[in-house]
Amino acid sequence: DWMTRNIDTRVEVSCPIYDKDIKAELLDIFDICWRDNVKARIINEKQDNTYRTNDLPKVRAQFETYDYYLKRLQK
């Protein structure tokens, strides 16, 4: 995360992704992360950090990412 609090203690790197297969894989993983709704919080100007609630099926990015790579290995 590109927060100023992290600039002095970590190295942040970004780069273009040219390989179409790697790019597709990364987009799949980002999609999994964006759909995570198990421990998701809403961050607002009040910094309430309330849990995000909805009626959608539960998605936990850690488990979904594991399953994603497991399925890729089984192909």
PDB file of N, CA and C in Angstrom:
ATOM      1  N   ASP A   1       0.850  -1.173   0.000  1.00  0.00           N
ATOM      2  CA  ASP A   1       0.000   0.000   0.000  1.00  0.00           C
ATOM      3  C   ASP A   1       0.894   1.233   0.000  1.00  0.00           C
ATOM      4  N   TRP A   2       0.516   2.202  -0.742  1.00  0.00           N
ATOM      5  CA  TRP A   2       1.340   3.395  -0.961  1.00  0.00           C
ATOM      6  C   TRP A   2       1.037   4.481   0.069  1.00  0.00           C
ATOM      7  N   MET A   3       1.005   4.125   1.333  1.00  0.00           N
ATOM      8  CA  MET A   3       0.763   5.097   2.393  1.00  0.00           C
ATOM      9  C   MET A   3       2.084   5.734   2.787  1.00  0.00           C
ATOM     10  N   THR A   4       2.042   7.004   3.125  1.00  0.00           N
ATOM     11  CA  THR A   4       3.281   7.704   3.483  1.00  0.00           C
ATOM     12  C   THR A   4       3.939   7.088   4.709  1.00  0.00           C
ATOM     13  N   ARG A   5       3.170   6.475   5.589  1.00  0.00           N
ATOM     14  CA  ARG A   5       3.767   5.862   6.779  1.00  0.00           C
ATOM     15  C   ARG A   5       4.702   4.709   6.427  1.00  0.00           C
ATOM     16  N   ASN A   6       4.573   4.157   5.216  1.00  0.00           N
ATOM     17  CA  ASN A   6       5.384   3.012   4.814  1.00  0.00           C
ATOM     18  C   ASN A   6       6.608   3.388   3.986  1.00  0.00           C
ATOM     19  N   ILE A   7       6.683   4.615   3.547  1.00  0.00           N
ATOM     20  CA  ILE A   7       7.745   5.014   2.622  1.00  0.00           C
ATOM     21  C   ILE A   7       9.133   4.874   3.249  1.00  0.00           C
ATOM     22  N   ASP A   8       9.276   5.162   4.527  1.00  0.00           N
ATOM     23  CA  ASP A   8      10.597   5.136   5.159  1.00  0.00           C
ATOM     24  C   ASP A   8      11.040   3.744   5.580  1.00  0.00           C
ATOM     25  N   THR A   9      10.136   2.794   5.670  1.00  0.00           N
ATOM     26  CA  THR A   9      10.510   1.480   6.191  1.00  0.00           C
ATOM     27  C   THR A   9      10.422   0.352   5.176  1.00  0.00           C
ATOM     28  N   ARG A  10       9.854   0.618   4.004  1.00  0.00           N
ATOM     29  CA  ARG A  10       9.726  -0.422   2.990  1.00  0.00           C
ATOM     30  C   ARG A  10      10.051   0.144   1.618  1.00  0.00           C
ATOM     31  N   VAL A  11      10.306  -0.749   0.718  1.00  0.00           N
ATOM     32  CA  VAL A  11      10.494  -0.362  -0.673  1.00  0.00           C
ATOM     33  C   VAL A  11       9.229  -0.740  -1.433  1.00  0.00           C
ATOM     34  N   GLU A  12       8.613   0.219  -2.087  1.00  0.00           N
ATOM     35  CA  GLU A  12       7.419  -0.022  -2.898  1.00  0.00           C
ATOM     36  C   GLU A  12       7.840  -0.035  -4.360  1.00  0.00           C
ATOM     37  N   VAL A  13       7.380  -1.017  -5.105  1.00  0.00           N
ATOM     38  CA  VAL A  13       7.776  -1.165  -6.500  1.00  0.00           C
ATOM     39  C   VAL A  13       6.536  -1.345  -7.365  1.00  0.00           C
ATOM     40  N   SER A  14       6.541  -0.703  -8.503  1.00  0.00           N
ATOM     41  CA  SER A  14       5.491  -0.959  -9.490  1.00  0.00           C
ATOM     42  C   SER A  14       6.148  -1.050 -10.855  1.00  0.00           C
ATOM     43  N   CYS A  15       5.552  -1.828 -11.718  1.00  0.00           N
ATOM     44  CA  CYS A  15       6.120  -2.011 -13.051  1.00  0.00           C
ATOM     45  C   CYS A  15       5.026  -2.480 -13.998  1.00  0.00           C
ATOM     46  N   PRO A  16       5.207  -2.260 -15.284  1.00  0.00           N
ATOM     47  CA  PRO A  16       4.220  -2.762 -16.245  1.00  0.00           C
ATOM     48  C   PRO A  16       4.322  -4.279 -16.376  1.00  0.00           C
ATOM     49  N   ILE A  17       3.212  -4.919 -16.664  1.00  0.00           N
ATOM     50  CA  ILE A  17       3.175  -6.366 -16.893  1.00  0.00           C
ATOM     51  C   ILE A  17       2.894  -6.576 -18.375  1.00  0.00           C
ATOM     52  N   TYR A  18       3.877  -7.079 -19.100  1.00  0.00           N
ATOM     53  CA  TYR A  18       3.748  -7.245 -20.543  1.00  0.00           C
ATOM     54  C   TYR A  18       3.249  -8.633 -20.946  1.00  0.00           C
ATOM     55  N   ASP A  19       3.581  -9.646 -20.177  1.00  0.00           N
ATOM     56  CA  ASP A  19       3.181 -11.008 -20.517  1.00  0.00           C
ATOM     57  C   ASP A  19       1.678 -11.164 -20.302  1.00  0.00           C
ATOM     58  N   LYS A  20       0.953 -11.554 -21.355  1.00  0.00           N
ATOM     59  CA  LYS A  20      -0.513 -11.611 -21.272  1.00  0.00           C
ATOM     60  C   LYS A  20      -1.005 -12.669 -20.291  1.00  0.00           C
ATOM     61  N   ASP A  21      -0.285 -13.783 -20.158  1.00  0.00           N
ATOM     62  CA  ASP A  21      -0.703 -14.830 -19.219  1.00  0.00           C
ATOM     63  C   ASP A  21      -0.513 -14.387 -17.774  1.00  0.00           C
ATOM     64  N   ILE A  22       0.616 -13.762 -17.501  1.00  0.00           N
ATOM     65  CA  ILE A  22       0.873 -13.261 -16.143  1.00  0.00           C
ATOM     66  C   ILE A  22      -0.113 -12.150 -15.801  1.00  0.00           C
ATOM     67  N   LYS A  23      -0.374 -11.286 -16.768  1.00  0.00           N
ATOM     68  CA  LYS A  23      -1.330 -10.198 -16.548  1.00  0.00           C
ATOM     69  C   LYS A  23      -2.717 -10.758 -16.229  1.00  0.00           C
ATOM     70  N   ALA A  24      -3.154 -11.768 -16.964  1.00  0.00           N
ATOM     71  CA  ALA A  24      -4.459 -12.385 -16.717  1.00  0.00           C
ATOM     72  C   ALA A  24      -4.506 -13.020 -15.329  1.00  0.00           C
ATOM     73  N   GLU A  25      -3.425 -13.685 -14.942  1.00  0.00           N
ATOM     74  CA  GLU A  25      -3.366 -14.302 -13.611  1.00  0.00           C
ATOM     75  C   GLU A  25      -3.471 -13.246 -12.519  1.00  0.00           C
ATOM     76  N   LEU A  26      -2.734 -12.163 -12.659  1.00  0.00           N
ATOM     77  CA  LEU A  26      -2.788 -11.092 -11.663  1.00  0.00           C
ATOM     78  C   LEU A  26      -4.185 -10.479 -11.587  1.00  0.00           C
ATOM     79  N   LEU A  27      -4.820 -10.290 -12.723  1.00  0.00           N
ATOM     80  CA  LEU A  27      -6.180  -9.745 -12.718  1.00  0.00           C
ATOM     81  C   LEU A  27      -7.158 -10.699 -12.034  1.00  0.00           C
ATOM     82  N   ASP A  28      -6.958 -11.996 -12.217  1.00  0.00           N
ATOM     83  CA  ASP A  28      -7.785 -12.985 -11.511  1.00  0.00           C
ATOM     84  C   ASP A  28      -7.622 -12.850 -10.000  1.00  0.00           C
ATOM     85  N   ILE A  29      -6.384 -12.722  -9.555  1.00  0.00           N
ATOM     86  CA  ILE A  29      -6.107 -12.602  -8.117  1.00  0.00           C
ATOM     87  C   ILE A  29      -6.669 -11.294  -7.570  1.00  0.00           C
ATOM     88  N   PHE A  30      -6.500 -10.199  -8.315  1.00  0.00           N
ATOM     89  CA  PHE A  30      -7.083  -8.923  -7.881  1.00  0.00           C
ATOM     90  C   PHE A  30      -8.601  -9.041  -7.764  1.00  0.00           C
ATOM     91  N   ASP A  31      -9.222  -9.720  -8.715  1.00  0.00           N
ATOM     92  CA  ASP A  31     -10.672  -9.902  -8.677  1.00  0.00           C
ATOM     93  C   ASP A  31     -11.094 -10.661  -7.421  1.00  0.00           C
ATOM     94  N   ILE A  32     -10.346 -11.687  -7.078  1.00  0.00           N
ATOM     95  CA  ILE A  32     -10.634 -12.434  -5.847  1.00  0.00           C
ATOM     96  C   ILE A  32     -10.535 -11.504  -4.642  1.00  0.00           C
ATOM     97  N   CYS A  33      -9.489 -10.714  -4.589  1.00  0.00           N
ATOM     98  CA  CYS A  33      -9.297  -9.798  -3.450  1.00  0.00           C
ATOM     99  C   CYS A  33     -10.420  -8.770  -3.366  1.00  0.00           C
ATOM    100  N   TRP A  34     -10.835  -8.232  -4.499  1.00  0.00           N
ATOM    101  CA  TRP A  34     -11.901  -7.222  -4.503  1.00  0.00           C
ATOM    102  C   TRP A  34     -13.242  -7.807  -4.088  1.00  0.00           C
ATOM    103  N   ARG A  35     -13.449  -9.111  -4.308  1.00  0.00           N
ATOM    104  CA  ARG A  35     -14.717  -9.748  -3.935  1.00  0.00           C
ATOM    105  C   ARG A  35     -14.740 -10.205  -2.480  1.00  0.00           C
ATOM    106  N   ASP A  36     -13.585 -10.152  -1.807  1.00  0.00           N
ATOM    107  CA  ASP A  36     -13.520 -10.588  -0.409  1.00  0.00           C
ATOM    108  C   ASP A  36     -14.527  -9.787   0.410  1.00  0.00           C
ATOM    109  N   ASN A  37     -15.402 -10.494   1.117  1.00  0.00           N
ATOM    110  CA  ASN A  37     -16.408  -9.808   1.932  1.00  0.00           C
ATOM    111  C   ASN A  37     -16.540 -10.405   3.334  1.00  0.00           C
ATOM    112  N   VAL A  38     -15.579 -11.214   3.728  1.00  0.00           N
ATOM    113  CA  VAL A  38     -15.671 -11.854   5.044  1.00  0.00           C
ATOM    114  C   VAL A  38     -15.209 -10.913   6.150  1.00  0.00           C
ATOM    115  N   LYS A  39     -14.058 -10.315   5.977  1.00  0.00           N
ATOM    116  CA  LYS A  39     -13.551  -9.388   6.985  1.00  0.00           C
ATOM    117  C   LYS A  39     -13.396  -7.978   6.417  1.00  0.00           C
ATOM    118  N   ALA A  40     -14.087  -7.713   5.331  1.00  0.00           N
ATOM    119  CA  ALA A  40     -13.975  -6.414   4.672  1.00  0.00           C
ATOM    120  C   ALA A  40     -14.554  -5.316   5.556  1.00  0.00           C
ATOM    121  N   ARG A  41     -13.912  -4.187   5.521  1.00  0.00           N
ATOM    122  CA  ARG A  41     -14.370  -3.033   6.295  1.00  0.00           C
ATOM    123  C   ARG A  41     -14.561  -1.841   5.367  1.00  0.00           C
ATOM    124  N   ILE A  42     -15.440  -0.960   5.764  1.00  0.00           N
ATOM    125  CA  ILE A  42     -15.648   0.286   5.038  1.00  0.00           C
ATOM    126  C   ILE A  42     -14.813   1.352   5.726  1.00  0.00           C
ATOM    127  N   ILE A  43     -13.924   1.955   4.978  1.00  0.00           N
ATOM    128  CA  ILE A  43     -13.068   3.007   5.526  1.00  0.00           C
ATOM    129  C   ILE A  43     -13.607   4.338   5.022  1.00  0.00           C
ATOM    130  N   ASN A  44     -13.949   5.207   5.945  1.00  0.00           N
ATOM    131  CA  ASN A  44     -14.484   6.511   5.571  1.00  0.00           C
ATOM    132  C   ASN A  44     -13.732   7.611   6.304  1.00  0.00           C
ATOM    133  N   GLU A  45     -14.168   8.844   6.089  1.00  0.00           N
ATOM    134  CA  GLU A  45     -13.476   9.982   6.699  1.00  0.00           C
ATOM    135  C   GLU A  45     -13.550   9.962   8.223  1.00  0.00           C
ATOM    136  N   LYS A  46     -14.545   9.297   8.796  1.00  0.00           N
ATOM    137  CA  LYS A  46     -14.659   9.191  10.255  1.00  0.00           C
ATOM    138  C   LYS A  46     -13.765   8.091  10.816  1.00  0.00           C
ATOM    139  N   GLN A  47     -13.250   7.264   9.951  1.00  0.00           N
ATOM    140  CA  GLN A  47     -12.419   6.112  10.323  1.00  0.00           C
ATOM    141  C   GLN A  47     -13.176   5.166  11.266  1.00  0.00           C
ATOM    142  N   ASP A  48     -14.460   4.962  10.967  1.00  0.00           N
ATOM    143  CA  ASP A  48     -15.272   4.026  11.750  1.00  0.00           C
ATOM    144  C   ASP A  48     -14.801   2.589  11.558  1.00  0.00           C
ATOM    145  N   ASN A  49     -14.351   2.282  10.348  1.00  0.00           N
ATOM    146  CA  ASN A  49     -13.890   0.934   9.995  1.00  0.00           C
ATOM    147  C   ASN A  49     -14.946  -0.125  10.305  1.00  0.00           C
ATOM    148  N   THR A  50     -16.186   0.171   9.956  1.00  0.00           N
ATOM    149  CA  THR A  50     -17.261  -0.785  10.191  1.00  0.00           C
ATOM    150  C   THR A  50     -17.176  -1.930   9.189  1.00  0.00           C
ATOM    151  N   TYR A  51     -17.623  -3.101   9.626  1.00  0.00           N
ATOM    152  CA  TYR A  51     -17.621  -4.258   8.735  1.00  0.00           C
ATOM    153  C   TYR A  51     -18.581  -4.025   7.575  1.00  0.00           C
ATOM    154  N   ARG A  52     -18.174  -4.460   6.411  1.00  0.00           N
ATOM    155  CA  ARG A  52     -19.023  -4.389   5.220  1.00  0.00           C
ATOM    156  C   ARG A  52     -19.947  -5.603   5.245  1.00  0.00           C
ATOM    157  N   THR A  53     -21.222  -5.362   5.230  1.00  0.00           N
ATOM    158  CA  THR A  53     -22.175  -6.469   5.266  1.00  0.00           C
ATOM    159  C   THR A  53     -22.992  -6.499   3.979  1.00  0.00           C
ATOM    160  N   ASN A  54     -23.337  -7.696   3.550  1.00  0.00           N
ATOM    161  CA  ASN A  54     -24.221  -7.881   2.403  1.00  0.00           C
ATOM    162  C   ASN A  54     -24.764  -9.307   2.442  1.00  0.00           C
ATOM    163  N   ASP A  55     -25.661  -9.591   1.533  1.00  0.00           N
ATOM    164  CA  ASP A  55     -26.293 -10.913   1.491  1.00  0.00           C
ATOM    165  C   ASP A  55     -25.653 -11.834   0.463  1.00  0.00           C
ATOM    166  N   LEU A  56     -24.515 -11.448  -0.067  1.00  0.00           N
ATOM    167  CA  LEU A  56     -23.834 -12.261  -1.069  1.00  0.00           C
ATOM    168  C   LEU A  56     -23.156 -13.460  -0.412  1.00  0.00           C
ATOM    169  N   PRO A  57     -22.881 -14.496  -1.183  1.00  0.00           N
ATOM    170  CA  PRO A  57     -22.119 -15.623  -0.625  1.00  0.00           C
ATOM    171  C   PRO A  57     -20.765 -15.137  -0.103  1.00  0.00           C
ATOM    172  N   LYS A  58     -20.339 -15.705   0.996  1.00  0.00           N
ATOM    173  CA  LYS A  58     -19.080 -15.269   1.608  1.00  0.00           C
ATOM    174  C   LYS A  58     -17.887 -15.645   0.734  1.00  0.00           C
ATOM    175  N   VAL A  59     -16.990 -14.676   0.559  1.00  0.00           N
ATOM    176  CA  VAL A  59     -15.760 -14.876  -0.204  1.00  0.00           C
ATOM    177  C   VAL A  59     -14.604 -14.447   0.685  1.00  0.00           C
ATOM    178  N   ARG A  60     -13.699 -15.366   0.967  1.00  0.00           N
ATOM    179  CA  ARG A  60     -12.507 -15.053   1.751  1.00  0.00           C
ATOM    180  C   ARG A  60     -11.302 -15.214   0.840  1.00  0.00           C
ATOM    181  N   ALA A  61     -10.608 -14.120   0.580  1.00  0.00           N
ATOM    182  CA  ALA A  61      -9.558 -14.087  -0.436  1.00  0.00           C
ATOM    183  C   ALA A  61      -8.475 -15.132  -0.200  1.00  0.00           C
ATOM    184  N   GLN A  62      -8.089 -15.358   1.047  1.00  0.00           N
ATOM    185  CA  GLN A  62      -7.030 -16.327   1.315  1.00  0.00           C
ATOM    186  C   GLN A  62      -7.417 -17.719   0.828  1.00  0.00           C
ATOM    187  N   PHE A  63      -8.636 -18.129   1.121  1.00  0.00           N
ATOM    188  CA  PHE A  63      -9.089 -19.461   0.711  1.00  0.00           C
ATOM    189  C   PHE A  63      -9.331 -19.529  -0.791  1.00  0.00           C
ATOM    190  N   GLU A  64      -9.914 -18.481  -1.342  1.00  0.00           N
ATOM    191  CA  GLU A  64     -10.198 -18.450  -2.775  1.00  0.00           C
ATOM    192  C   GLU A  64      -8.911 -18.458  -3.601  1.00  0.00           C
ATOM    193  N   THR A  65      -7.890 -17.752  -3.125  1.00  0.00           N
ATOM    194  CA  THR A  65      -6.607 -17.737  -3.829  1.00  0.00           C
ATOM    195  C   THR A  65      -5.972 -19.120  -3.794  1.00  0.00           C
ATOM    196  N   TYR A  66      -6.034 -19.772  -2.650  1.00  0.00           N
ATOM    197  CA  TYR A  66      -5.520 -21.134  -2.531  1.00  0.00           C
ATOM    198  C   TYR A  66      -6.227 -22.056  -3.522  1.00  0.00           C
ATOM    199  N   ASP A  67      -7.555 -21.985  -3.554  1.00  0.00           N
ATOM    200  CA  ASP A  67      -8.335 -22.823  -4.475  1.00  0.00           C
ATOM    201  C   ASP A  67      -8.007 -22.510  -5.931  1.00  0.00           C
ATOM    202  N   TYR A  68      -7.801 -21.243  -6.234  1.00  0.00           N
ATOM    203  CA  TYR A  68      -7.457 -20.814  -7.594  1.00  0.00           C
ATOM    204  C   TYR A  68      -6.179 -21.509  -8.062  1.00  0.00           C
ATOM    205  N   TYR A  69      -5.140 -21.466  -7.228  1.00  0.00           N
ATOM    206  CA  TYR A  69      -3.869 -22.084  -7.622  1.00  0.00           C
ATOM    207  C   TYR A  69      -3.940 -23.608  -7.589  1.00  0.00           C
ATOM    208  N   LEU A  70      -4.708 -24.168  -6.691  1.00  0.00           N
ATOM    209  CA  LEU A  70      -4.888 -25.615  -6.651  1.00  0.00           C
ATOM    210  C   LEU A  70      -5.524 -26.106  -7.955  1.00  0.00           C
ATOM    211  N   LYS A  71      -6.544 -25.408  -8.418  1.00  0.00           N
ATOM    212  CA  LYS A  71      -7.194 -25.772  -9.685  1.00  0.00           C
ATOM    213  C   LYS A  71      -6.230 -25.642 -10.862  1.00  0.00           C
ATOM    214  N   ARG A  72      -5.385 -24.622 -10.844  1.00  0.00           N
ATOM    215  CA  ARG A  72      -4.408 -24.445 -11.929  1.00  0.00           C
ATOM    216  C   ARG A  72      -3.399 -25.587 -11.944  1.00  0.00           C
ATOM    217  N   LEU A  73      -3.009 -26.054 -10.775  1.00  0.00           N
ATOM    218  CA  LEU A  73      -2.052 -27.163 -10.703  1.00  0.00           C
ATOM    219  C   LEU A  73      -2.665 -28.475 -11.172  1.00  0.00           C
ATOM    220  N   GLN A  74      -3.957 -28.634 -11.000  1.00  0.00           N
ATOM    221  CA  GLN A  74      -4.627 -29.878 -11.362  1.00  0.00           C
ATOM    222  C   GLN A  74      -4.936 -29.978 -12.850  1.00  0.00           C
ATOM    223  N   LYS A  75      -4.732 -28.911 -13.592  1.00  0.00           N
ATOM    224  CA  LYS A  75      -4.995 -28.941 -15.044  1.00  0.00           C
ATOM    225  C   LYS A  75      -3.908 -29.676 -15.781  1.00  0.00           C
TER     226      LYS A  75
END
